[in-house]
Amino acid sequence: MSLTVKVIEPSGILDGIRGNILRREVGDILESGADILLIDLKDVKFIDSSGLGALVSAMQMVRKANSKLFVCSVSDQVRMLFELTKMDRIFQTFIDQEDFERQILAIQ
């Protein structure tokens, strides 16, 4: 069985505007039938509360579609935000895309 994996790579500041774009992108990807969605945050320097809300919304959309969502390349600021808001318990994070492939795709 072959799984469809899609990667989203937002950049800059993940705020309300970029969060809405992210939600639309996630919706489009799920409509195309992706099994696994990886959000690579390597180019995201800062996430505000609206951006965090967009990530939570994306997770809910993915769960409703019976798919899986993972996050990788989290900066120190984003990691701290995830820990403070306990989102690190919700999002499974990886060092980078290679780490994700090694740990998740290898066992699928």
PDB file of N, CA and C in Angstrom:
ATOM      1  N   MET A   1       0.833  -1.178   0.000  1.00  0.00           N
ATOM      2  CA  MET A   1       0.000   0.000   0.000  1.00  0.00           C
ATOM      3  C   MET A   1       0.881   1.246   0.000  1.00  0.00           C
ATOM      4  N   SER A   2       0.636   2.117  -0.915  1.00  0.00           N
ATOM      5  CA  SER A   2       1.436   3.329  -1.035  1.00  0.00           C
ATOM      6  C   SER A   2       0.690   4.512  -0.412  1.00  0.00           C
ATOM      7  N   LEU A   3       1.357   5.217   0.474  1.00  0.00           N
ATOM      8  CA  LEU A   3       0.757   6.378   1.126  1.00  0.00           C
ATOM      9  C   LEU A   3       1.099   7.644   0.362  1.00  0.00           C
ATOM     10  N   THR A   4       0.142   8.557   0.305  1.00  0.00           N
ATOM     11  CA  THR A   4       0.373   9.852  -0.319  1.00  0.00           C
ATOM     12  C   THR A   4       0.808  10.831   0.761  1.00  0.00           C
ATOM     13  N   VAL A   5       2.011  11.365   0.624  1.00  0.00           N
ATOM     14  CA  VAL A   5       2.555  12.324   1.581  1.00  0.00           C
ATOM     15  C   VAL A   5       2.693  13.665   0.882  1.00  0.00           C
ATOM     16  N   LYS A   6       2.168  14.712   1.511  1.00  0.00           N
ATOM     17  CA  LYS A   6       2.285  16.075   0.987  1.00  0.00           C
ATOM     18  C   LYS A   6       3.003  16.925   2.019  1.00  0.00           C
ATOM     19  N   VAL A   7       3.811  17.862   1.536  1.00  0.00           N
ATOM     20  CA  VAL A   7       4.580  18.742   2.418  1.00  0.00           C
ATOM     21  C   VAL A   7       4.165  20.189   2.161  1.00  0.00           C
ATOM     22  N   ILE A   8       3.908  20.917   3.237  1.00  0.00           N
ATOM     23  CA  ILE A   8       3.638  22.353   3.160  1.00  0.00           C
ATOM     24  C   ILE A   8       4.812  23.053   3.831  1.00  0.00           C
ATOM     25  N   GLU A   9       5.337  24.101   3.181  1.00  0.00           N
ATOM     26  CA  GLU A   9       6.479  24.834   3.733  1.00  0.00           C
ATOM     27  C   GLU A   9       6.142  26.322   3.853  1.00  0.00           C
ATOM     28  N   PRO A  10       5.415  26.711   4.922  1.00  0.00           N
ATOM     29  CA  PRO A  10       5.138  28.138   5.103  1.00  0.00           C
ATOM     30  C   PRO A  10       6.434  28.892   5.411  1.00  0.00           C
ATOM     31  N   SER A  11       6.397  30.218   5.286  1.00  0.00           N
ATOM     32  CA  SER A  11       7.605  30.995   5.566  1.00  0.00           C
ATOM     33  C   SER A  11       7.247  32.312   6.244  1.00  0.00           C
ATOM     34  N   GLY A  12       8.264  32.903   6.862  1.00  0.00           N
ATOM     35  CA  GLY A  12       8.088  34.204   7.505  1.00  0.00           C
ATOM     36  C   GLY A  12       7.393  34.087   8.846  1.00  0.00           C
ATOM     37  N   ILE A  13       6.376  34.926   9.034  1.00  0.00           N
ATOM     38  CA  ILE A  13       5.604  34.947  10.274  1.00  0.00           C
ATOM     39  C   ILE A  13       4.274  34.264  10.015  1.00  0.00           C
ATOM     40  N   LEU A  14       3.966  33.259  10.814  1.00  0.00           N
ATOM     41  CA  LEU A  14       2.679  32.580  10.691  1.00  0.00           C
ATOM     42  C   LEU A  14       1.689  33.318  11.587  1.00  0.00           C
ATOM     43  N   ASP A  15       0.908  34.198  10.943  1.00  0.00           N
ATOM     44  CA  ASP A  15      -0.072  35.021  11.655  1.00  0.00           C
ATOM     45  C   ASP A  15      -1.461  34.734  11.099  1.00  0.00           C
ATOM     46  N   GLY A  16      -2.405  35.614  11.351  1.00  0.00           N
ATOM     47  CA  GLY A  16      -3.776  35.402  10.894  1.00  0.00           C
ATOM     48  C   GLY A  16      -3.892  35.265   9.388  1.00  0.00           C
ATOM     49  N   ILE A  17      -3.226  36.129   8.645  1.00  0.00           N
ATOM     50  CA  ILE A  17      -3.318  36.103   7.181  1.00  0.00           C
ATOM     51  C   ILE A  17      -2.677  34.833   6.633  1.00  0.00           C
ATOM     52  N   ARG A  18      -1.460  34.564   7.045  1.00  0.00           N
ATOM     53  CA  ARG A  18      -0.778  33.354   6.561  1.00  0.00           C
ATOM     54  C   ARG A  18      -1.433  32.093   7.118  1.00  0.00           C
ATOM     55  N   GLY A  19      -2.049  32.220   8.292  1.00  0.00           N
ATOM     56  CA  GLY A  19      -2.773  31.090   8.870  1.00  0.00           C
ATOM     57  C   GLY A  19      -3.969  30.704   8.022  1.00  0.00           C
ATOM     58  N   ASN A  20      -4.692  31.713   7.507  1.00  0.00           N
ATOM     59  CA  ASN A  20      -5.825  31.432   6.618  1.00  0.00           C
ATOM     60  C   ASN A  20      -5.360  30.762   5.335  1.00  0.00           C
ATOM     61  N   ILE A  21      -4.226  31.216   4.815  1.00  0.00           N
ATOM     62  CA  ILE A  21      -3.652  30.601   3.611  1.00  0.00           C
ATOM     63  C   ILE A  21      -3.302  29.145   3.905  1.00  0.00           C
ATOM     64  N   LEU A  22      -2.699  28.901   5.069  1.00  0.00           N
ATOM     65  CA  LEU A  22      -2.324  27.548   5.475  1.00  0.00           C
ATOM     66  C   LEU A  22      -3.556  26.651   5.556  1.00  0.00           C
ATOM     67  N   ARG A  23      -4.628  27.154   6.168  1.00  0.00           N
ATOM     68  CA  ARG A  23      -5.863  26.357   6.284  1.00  0.00           C
ATOM     69  C   ARG A  23      -6.418  25.987   4.908  1.00  0.00           C
ATOM     70  N   ARG A  24      -6.416  26.960   3.986  1.00  0.00           N
ATOM     71  CA  ARG A  24      -6.914  26.684   2.627  1.00  0.00           C
ATOM     72  C   ARG A  24      -6.046  25.636   1.939  1.00  0.00           C
ATOM     73  N   GLU A  25      -4.737  25.779   2.121  1.00  0.00           N
ATOM     74  CA  GLU A  25      -3.802  24.827   1.503  1.00  0.00           C
ATOM     75  C   GLU A  25      -4.018  23.415   2.062  1.00  0.00           C
ATOM     76  N   VAL A  26      -4.214  23.313   3.370  1.00  0.00           N
ATOM     77  CA  VAL A  26      -4.468  22.018   4.000  1.00  0.00           C
ATOM     78  C   VAL A  26      -5.765  21.426   3.455  1.00  0.00           C
ATOM     79  N   GLY A  27      -6.802  22.248   3.349  1.00  0.00           N
ATOM     80  CA  GLY A  27      -8.073  21.782   2.808  1.00  0.00           C
ATOM     81  C   GLY A  27      -7.935  21.253   1.392  1.00  0.00           C
ATOM     82  N   ASP A  28      -7.195  21.976   0.557  1.00  0.00           N
ATOM     83  CA  ASP A  28      -6.975  21.545  -0.831  1.00  0.00           C
ATOM     84  C   ASP A  28      -6.219  20.219  -0.885  1.00  0.00           C
ATOM     85  N   ILE A  29      -5.204  20.094  -0.040  1.00  0.00           N
ATOM     86  CA  ILE A  29      -4.400  18.871  -0.013  1.00  0.00           C
ATOM     87  C   ILE A  29      -5.245  17.684   0.444  1.00  0.00           C
ATOM     88  N   LEU A  30      -6.076  17.901   1.448  1.00  0.00           N
ATOM     89  CA  LEU A  30      -6.922  16.809   1.939  1.00  0.00           C
ATOM     90  C   LEU A  30      -7.950  16.397   0.888  1.00  0.00           C
ATOM     91  N   GLU A  31      -8.464  17.365   0.139  1.00  0.00           N
ATOM     92  CA  GLU A  31      -9.413  17.043  -0.932  1.00  0.00           C
ATOM     93  C   GLU A  31      -8.755  16.188  -2.013  1.00  0.00           C
ATOM     94  N   SER A  32      -7.455  16.367  -2.200  1.00  0.00           N
ATOM     95  CA  SER A  32      -6.740  15.583  -3.211  1.00  0.00           C
ATOM     96  C   SER A  32      -6.439  14.167  -2.725  1.00  0.00           C
ATOM     97  N   GLY A  33      -6.745  13.903  -1.450  1.00  0.00           N
ATOM     98  CA  GLY A  33      -6.611  12.544  -0.937  1.00  0.00           C
ATOM     99  C   GLY A  33      -5.293  12.209  -0.273  1.00  0.00           C
ATOM    100  N   ALA A  34      -4.632  13.160   0.342  1.00  0.00           N
ATOM    101  CA  ALA A  34      -3.357  12.884   1.018  1.00  0.00           C
ATOM    102  C   ALA A  34      -3.589  12.068   2.287  1.00  0.00           C
ATOM    103  N   ASP A  35      -2.704  11.101   2.523  1.00  0.00           N
ATOM    104  CA  ASP A  35      -2.770  10.276   3.730  1.00  0.00           C
ATOM    105  C   ASP A  35      -1.999  10.912   4.886  1.00  0.00           C
ATOM    106  N   ILE A  36      -0.885  11.546   4.533  1.00  0.00           N
ATOM    107  CA  ILE A  36      -0.014  12.163   5.535  1.00  0.00           C
ATOM    108  C   ILE A  36       0.347  13.572   5.069  1.00  0.00           C
ATOM    109  N   LEU A  37       0.265  14.517   6.001  1.00  0.00           N
ATOM    110  CA  LEU A  37       0.624  15.904   5.714  1.00  0.00           C
ATOM    111  C   LEU A  37       1.752  16.296   6.662  1.00  0.00           C
ATOM    112  N   LEU A  38       2.831  16.802   6.092  1.00  0.00           N
ATOM    113  CA  LEU A  38       3.968  17.280   6.877  1.00  0.00           C
ATOM    114  C   LEU A  38       4.059  18.786   6.709  1.00  0.00           C
ATOM    115  N   ILE A  39       4.025  19.517   7.813  1.00  0.00           N
ATOM    116  CA  ILE A  39       4.225  20.964   7.767  1.00  0.00           C
ATOM    117  C   ILE A  39       5.662  21.229   8.200  1.00  0.00           C
ATOM    118  N   ASP A  40       6.472  21.694   7.243  1.00  0.00           N
ATOM    119  CA  ASP A  40       7.881  21.975   7.485  1.00  0.00           C
ATOM    120  C   ASP A  40       8.012  23.455   7.829  1.00  0.00           C
ATOM    121  N   LEU A  41       8.381  23.740   9.075  1.00  0.00           N
ATOM    122  CA  LEU A  41       8.440  25.121   9.572  1.00  0.00           C
ATOM    123  C   LEU A  41       9.844  25.717   9.498  1.00  0.00           C
ATOM    124  N   LYS A  42      10.708  25.179   8.654  1.00  0.00           N
ATOM    125  CA  LYS A  42      12.106  25.625   8.613  1.00  0.00           C
ATOM    126  C   LYS A  42      12.238  27.112   8.278  1.00  0.00           C
ATOM    127  N   ASP A  43      11.303  27.669   7.499  1.00  0.00           N
ATOM    128  CA  ASP A  43      11.381  29.078   7.117  1.00  0.00           C
ATOM    129  C   ASP A  43      10.439  29.968   7.926  1.00  0.00           C
ATOM    130  N   VAL A  44       9.806  29.414   8.963  1.00  0.00           N
ATOM    131  CA  VAL A  44       8.911  30.193   9.826  1.00  0.00           C
ATOM    132  C   VAL A  44       9.726  30.694  11.008  1.00  0.00           C
ATOM    133  N   LYS A  45       9.790  32.018  11.148  1.00  0.00           N
ATOM    134  CA  LYS A  45      10.601  32.617  12.208  1.00  0.00           C
ATOM    135  C   LYS A  45       9.792  32.896  13.470  1.00  0.00           C
ATOM    136  N   PHE A  46       8.457  33.064  13.309  1.00  0.00           N
ATOM    137  CA  PHE A  46       7.622  33.440  14.444  1.00  0.00           C
ATOM    138  C   PHE A  46       6.195  32.987  14.184  1.00  0.00           C
ATOM    139  N   ILE A  47       5.524  32.511  15.230  1.00  0.00           N
ATOM    140  CA  ILE A  47       4.108  32.152  15.142  1.00  0.00           C
ATOM    141  C   ILE A  47       3.373  32.925  16.232  1.00  0.00           C
ATOM    142  N   ASP A  48       2.333  33.667  15.829  1.00  0.00           N
ATOM    143  CA  ASP A  48       1.522  34.347  16.835  1.00  0.00           C
ATOM    144  C   ASP A  48       0.314  33.473  17.178  1.00  0.00           C
ATOM    145  N   SER A  49      -0.583  33.981  18.019  1.00  0.00           N
ATOM    146  CA  SER A  49      -1.717  33.169  18.470  1.00  0.00           C
ATOM    147  C   SER A  49      -2.631  32.765  17.315  1.00  0.00           C
ATOM    148  N   SER A  50      -2.789  33.630  16.322  1.00  0.00           N
ATOM    149  CA  SER A  50      -3.621  33.293  15.159  1.00  0.00           C
ATOM    150  C   SER A  50      -2.972  32.176  14.347  1.00  0.00           C
ATOM    151  N   GLY A  51      -1.655  32.221  14.206  1.00  0.00           N
ATOM    152  CA  GLY A  51      -0.936  31.173  13.495  1.00  0.00           C
ATOM    153  C   GLY A  51      -1.028  29.846  14.225  1.00  0.00           C
ATOM    154  N   LEU A  52      -0.943  29.906  15.547  1.00  0.00           N
ATOM    155  CA  LEU A  52      -1.085  28.693  16.352  1.00  0.00           C
ATOM    156  C   LEU A  52      -2.495  28.124  16.176  1.00  0.00           C
ATOM    157  N   GLY A  53      -3.478  29.017  16.158  1.00  0.00           N
ATOM    158  CA  GLY A  53      -4.858  28.587  15.923  1.00  0.00           C
ATOM    159  C   GLY A  53      -5.014  27.927  14.570  1.00  0.00           C
ATOM    160  N   ALA A  54      -4.308  28.439  13.568  1.00  0.00           N
ATOM    161  CA  ALA A  54      -4.369  27.842  12.223  1.00  0.00           C
ATOM    162  C   ALA A  54      -3.782  26.434  12.232  1.00  0.00           C
ATOM    163  N   LEU A  55      -2.708  26.227  12.978  1.00  0.00           N
ATOM    164  CA  LEU A  55      -2.120  24.887  13.080  1.00  0.00           C
ATOM    165  C   LEU A  55      -3.074  23.914  13.773  1.00  0.00           C
ATOM    166  N   VAL A  56      -3.733  24.391  14.829  1.00  0.00           N
ATOM    167  CA  VAL A  56      -4.705  23.544  15.535  1.00  0.00           C
ATOM    168  C   VAL A  56      -5.871  23.219  14.604  1.00  0.00           C
ATOM    169  N   SER A  57      -6.336  24.217  13.866  1.00  0.00           N
ATOM    170  CA  SER A  57      -7.412  24.008  12.903  1.00  0.00           C
ATOM    171  C   SER A  57      -7.002  22.997  11.834  1.00  0.00           C
ATOM    172  N   ALA A  58      -5.767  23.110  11.365  1.00  0.00           N
ATOM    173  CA  ALA A  58      -5.242  22.162  10.374  1.00  0.00           C
ATOM    174  C   ALA A  58      -5.254  20.750  10.937  1.00  0.00           C
ATOM    175  N   MET A  59      -4.857  20.606  12.200  1.00  0.00           N
ATOM    176  CA  MET A  59      -4.854  19.288  12.839  1.00  0.00           C
ATOM    177  C   MET A  59      -6.271  18.727  12.889  1.00  0.00           C
ATOM    178  N   GLN A  60      -7.243  19.557  13.220  1.00  0.00           N
ATOM    179  CA  GLN A  60      -8.631  19.101  13.278  1.00  0.00           C
ATOM    180  C   GLN A  60      -9.122  18.673  11.899  1.00  0.00           C
ATOM    181  N   MET A  61      -8.780  19.437  10.873  1.00  0.00           N
ATOM    182  CA  MET A  61      -9.177  19.098   9.508  1.00  0.00           C
ATOM    183  C   MET A  61      -8.579  17.754   9.096  1.00  0.00           C
ATOM    184  N   VAL A  62      -7.312  17.557   9.419  1.00  0.00           N
ATOM    185  CA  VAL A  62      -6.608  16.326   9.058  1.00  0.00           C
ATOM    186  C   VAL A  62      -7.233  15.123   9.775  1.00  0.00           C
ATOM    187  N   ARG A  63      -7.550  15.296  11.046  1.00  0.00           N
ATOM    188  CA  ARG A  63      -8.157  14.194  11.803  1.00  0.00           C
ATOM    189  C   ARG A  63      -9.526  13.825  11.234  1.00  0.00           C
ATOM    190  N   LYS A  64     -10.320  14.835  10.869  1.00  0.00           N
ATOM    191  CA  LYS A  64     -11.642  14.576  10.284  1.00  0.00           C
ATOM    192  C   LYS A  64     -11.524  13.808   8.972  1.00  0.00           C
ATOM    193  N   ALA A  65     -10.432  14.035   8.254  1.00  0.00           N
ATOM    194  CA  ALA A  65     -10.210  13.367   6.967  1.00  0.00           C
ATOM    195  C   ALA A  65      -9.537  12.001   7.148  1.00  0.00           C
ATOM    196  N   ASN A  66      -9.352  11.583   8.409  1.00  0.00           N
ATOM    197  CA  ASN A  66      -8.677  10.315   8.720  1.00  0.00           C
ATOM    198  C   ASN A  66      -7.266  10.250   8.138  1.00  0.00           C
ATOM    199  N   SER A  67      -6.607  11.384   8.132  1.00  0.00           N
ATOM    200  CA  SER A  67      -5.218  11.461   7.699  1.00  0.00           C
ATOM    201  C   SER A  67      -4.359  11.759   8.925  1.00  0.00           C
ATOM    202  N   LYS A  68      -3.066  11.944   8.697  1.00  0.00           N
ATOM    203  CA  LYS A  68      -2.150  12.245   9.802  1.00  0.00           C
ATOM    204  C   LYS A  68      -1.376  13.515   9.487  1.00  0.00           C
ATOM    205  N   LEU A  69      -1.102  14.296  10.532  1.00  0.00           N
ATOM    206  CA  LEU A  69      -0.345  15.535  10.378  1.00  0.00           C
ATOM    207  C   LEU A  69       0.879  15.485  11.282  1.00  0.00           C
ATOM    208  N   PHE A  70       2.013  15.895  10.714  1.00  0.00           N
ATOM    209  CA  PHE A  70       3.261  15.979  11.460  1.00  0.00           C
ATOM    210  C   PHE A  70       3.900  17.335  11.186  1.00  0.00           C
ATOM    211  N   VAL A  71       4.799  17.746  12.072  1.00  0.00           N
ATOM    212  CA  VAL A  71       5.491  19.031  11.944  1.00  0.00           C
ATOM    213  C   VAL A  71       6.982  18.768  12.059  1.00  0.00           C
ATOM    214  N   CYS A  72       7.779  19.502  11.265  1.00  0.00           N
ATOM    215  CA  CYS A  72       9.234  19.360  11.386  1.00  0.00           C
ATOM    216  C   CYS A  72       9.922  20.722  11.290  1.00  0.00           C
ATOM    217  N   SER A  73      11.202  20.728  11.599  1.00  0.00           N
ATOM    218  CA  SER A  73      12.075  21.912  11.496  1.00  0.00           C
ATOM    219  C   SER A  73      11.557  23.077  12.330  1.00  0.00           C
ATOM    220  N   VAL A  74      11.268  22.800  13.584  1.00  0.00           N
ATOM    221  CA  VAL A  74      10.705  23.801  14.488  1.00  0.00           C
ATOM    222  C   VAL A  74      11.841  24.652  15.085  1.00  0.00           C
ATOM    223  N   SER A  75      11.701  25.978  14.977  1.00  0.00           N
ATOM    224  CA  SER A  75      12.704  26.897  15.552  1.00  0.00           C
ATOM    225  C   SER A  75      12.581  26.903  17.075  1.00  0.00           C
ATOM    226  N   ASP A  76      13.556  27.507  17.739  1.00  0.00           N
ATOM    227  CA  ASP A  76      13.518  27.590  19.202  1.00  0.00           C
ATOM    228  C   ASP A  76      12.292  28.357  19.677  1.00  0.00           C
ATOM    229  N   GLN A  77      11.927  29.449  18.981  1.00  0.00           N
ATOM    230  CA  GLN A  77      10.750  30.244  19.367  1.00  0.00           C
ATOM    231  C   GLN A  77       9.487  29.414  19.258  1.00  0.00           C
ATOM    232  N   VAL A  78       9.351  28.702  18.168  1.00  0.00           N
ATOM    233  CA  VAL A  78       8.153  27.894  17.944  1.00  0.00           C
ATOM    234  C   VAL A  78       8.104  26.735  18.942  1.00  0.00           C
ATOM    235  N   ARG A  79       9.244  26.124  19.202  1.00  0.00           N
ATOM    236  CA  ARG A  79       9.301  25.033  20.184  1.00  0.00           C
ATOM    237  C   ARG A  79       8.855  25.544  21.556  1.00  0.00           C
ATOM    238  N   MET A  80       9.333  26.729  21.940  1.00  0.00           N
ATOM    239  CA  MET A  80       8.956  27.316  23.223  1.00  0.00           C
ATOM    240  C   MET A  80       7.451  27.579  23.268  1.00  0.00           C
ATOM    241  N   LEU A  81       6.898  28.108  22.176  1.00  0.00           N
ATOM    242  CA  LEU A  81       5.459  28.368  22.092  1.00  0.00           C
ATOM    243  C   LEU A  81       4.681  27.059  22.232  1.00  0.00           C
ATOM    244  N   PHE A  82       5.127  26.020  21.533  1.00  0.00           N
ATOM    245  CA  PHE A  82       4.463  24.719  21.621  1.00  0.00           C
ATOM    246  C   PHE A  82       4.487  24.201  23.060  1.00  0.00           C
ATOM    247  N   GLU A  83       5.633  24.359  23.743  1.00  0.00           N
ATOM    248  CA  GLU A  83       5.749  23.870  25.118  1.00  0.00           C
ATOM    249  C   GLU A  83       4.869  24.676  26.068  1.00  0.00           C
ATOM    250  N   LEU A  84       4.866  26.007  25.921  1.00  0.00           N
ATOM    251  CA  LEU A  84       4.063  26.868  26.800  1.00  0.00           C
ATOM    252  C   LEU A  84       2.567  26.618  26.651  1.00  0.00           C
ATOM    253  N   THR A  85       2.144  26.325  25.446  1.00  0.00           N
ATOM    254  CA  THR A  85       0.719  26.113  25.169  1.00  0.00           C
ATOM    255  C   THR A  85       0.340  24.631  25.196  1.00  0.00           C
ATOM    256  N   LYS A  86       1.308  23.774  25.516  1.00  0.00           N
ATOM    257  CA  LYS A  86       1.122  22.325  25.550  1.00  0.00           C
ATOM    258  C   LYS A  86       0.795  21.728  24.178  1.00  0.00           C
ATOM    259  N   MET A  87       1.076  22.457  23.129  1.00  0.00           N
ATOM    260  CA  MET A  87       0.858  21.958  21.771  1.00  0.00           C
ATOM    261  C   MET A  87       1.882  20.886  21.408  1.00  0.00           C
ATOM    262  N   ASP A  88       2.980  20.849  22.172  1.00  0.00           N
ATOM    263  CA  ASP A  88       3.974  19.804  21.921  1.00  0.00           C
ATOM    264  C   ASP A  88       3.408  18.425  22.230  1.00  0.00           C
ATOM    265  N   ARG A  89       2.278  18.378  22.954  1.00  0.00           N
ATOM    266  CA  ARG A  89       1.602  17.112  23.233  1.00  0.00           C
ATOM    267  C   ARG A  89       0.655  16.726  22.096  1.00  0.00           C
ATOM    268  N   ILE A  90       0.307  17.698  21.274  1.00  0.00           N
ATOM    269  CA  ILE A  90      -0.641  17.471  20.178  1.00  0.00           C
ATOM    270  C   ILE A  90       0.089  17.208  18.865  1.00  0.00           C
ATOM    271  N   PHE A  91       1.132  18.002  18.607  1.00  0.00           N
ATOM    272  CA  PHE A  91       1.865  17.878  17.347  1.00  0.00           C
ATOM    273  C   PHE A  91       3.089  16.996  17.531  1.00  0.00           C
ATOM    274  N   GLN A  92       3.196  15.969  16.710  1.00  0.00           N
ATOM    275  CA  GLN A  92       4.407  15.151  16.712  1.00  0.00           C
ATOM    276  C   GLN A  92       5.411  15.859  15.826  1.00  0.00           C
ATOM    277  N   THR A  93       6.545  16.248  16.403  1.00  0.00           N
ATOM    278  CA  THR A  93       7.534  17.027  15.670  1.00  0.00           C
ATOM    279  C   THR A  93       8.786  16.203  15.387  1.00  0.00           C
ATOM    280  N   PHE A  94       9.462  16.609  14.305  1.00  0.00           N
ATOM    281  CA  PHE A  94      10.701  15.962  13.881  1.00  0.00           C
ATOM    282  C   PHE A  94      11.753  17.030  13.627  1.00  0.00           C
ATOM    283  N   ILE A  95      13.015  16.639  13.693  1.00  0.00           N
ATOM    284  CA  ILE A  95      14.120  17.576  13.500  1.00  0.00           C
ATOM    285  C   ILE A  95      14.028  18.228  12.126  1.00  0.00           C
ATOM    286  N   ASP A  96      13.821  17.409  11.089  1.00  0.00           N
ATOM    287  CA  ASP A  96      13.714  17.913   9.713  1.00  0.00           C
ATOM    288  C   ASP A  96      13.000  16.853   8.866  1.00  0.00           C
ATOM    289  N   GLN A  97      12.907  17.099   7.561  1.00  0.00           N
ATOM    290  CA  GLN A  97      12.207  16.153   6.693  1.00  0.00           C
ATOM    291  C   GLN A  97      12.881  14.787   6.668  1.00  0.00           C
ATOM    292  N   GLU A  98      14.196  14.770   6.718  1.00  0.00           N
ATOM    293  CA  GLU A  98      14.925  13.497   6.734  1.00  0.00           C
ATOM    294  C   GLU A  98      14.575  12.673   7.962  1.00  0.00           C
ATOM    295  N   ASP A  99      14.512  13.334   9.109  1.00  0.00           N
ATOM    296  CA  ASP A  99      14.159  12.674  10.361  1.00  0.00           C
ATOM    297  C   ASP A  99      12.740  12.104  10.259  1.00  0.00           C
ATOM    298  N   PHE A 100      11.821  12.886   9.710  1.00  0.00           N
ATOM    299  CA  PHE A 100      10.443  12.438   9.497  1.00  0.00           C
ATOM    300  C   PHE A 100      10.406  11.192   8.617  1.00  0.00           C
ATOM    301  N   GLU A 101      11.115  11.235   7.507  1.00  0.00           N
ATOM    302  CA  GLU A 101      11.132  10.099   6.573  1.00  0.00           C
ATOM    303  C   GLU A 101      11.707   8.854   7.236  1.00  0.00           C
ATOM    304  N   ARG A 102      12.762   9.053   7.993  1.00  0.00           N
ATOM    305  CA  ARG A 102      13.430   7.930   8.649  1.00  0.00           C
ATOM    306  C   ARG A 102      12.498   7.293   9.705  1.00  0.00           C
ATOM    307  N   GLN A 103      11.804   8.108  10.463  1.00  0.00           N
ATOM    308  CA  GLN A 103      11.000   7.581  11.576  1.00  0.00           C
ATOM    309  C   GLN A 103       9.583   7.174  11.178  1.00  0.00           C
ATOM    310  N   ILE A 104       8.972   7.912  10.276  1.00  0.00           N
ATOM    311  CA  ILE A 104       7.569   7.641   9.935  1.00  0.00           C
ATOM    312  C   ILE A 104       7.426   6.835   8.658  1.00  0.00           C
ATOM    313  N   LEU A 105       8.031   7.293   7.599  1.00  0.00           N
ATOM    314  CA  LEU A 105       7.825   6.611   6.326  1.00  0.00           C
ATOM    315  C   LEU A 105       8.455   5.230   6.294  1.00  0.00           C
ATOM    316  N   ALA A 106       9.528   5.057   7.032  1.00  0.00           N
ATOM    317  CA  ALA A 106      10.205   3.761   7.042  1.00  0.00           C
ATOM    318  C   ALA A 106       9.340   2.677   7.673  1.00  0.00           C
ATOM    319  N   ILE A 107       8.447   3.062   8.599  1.00  0.00           N
ATOM    320  CA  ILE A 107       7.624   2.056   9.281  1.00  0.00           C
ATOM    321  C   ILE A 107       6.234   1.902   8.658  1.00  0.00           C
ATOM    322  N   GLN A 108       5.912   2.728   7.699  1.00  0.00           N
ATOM    323  CA  GLN A 108       4.556   2.671   7.099  1.00  0.00           C
ATOM    324  C   GLN A 108       4.428   1.527   6.133  1.00  0.00           C
TER     325      GLN A 108
END
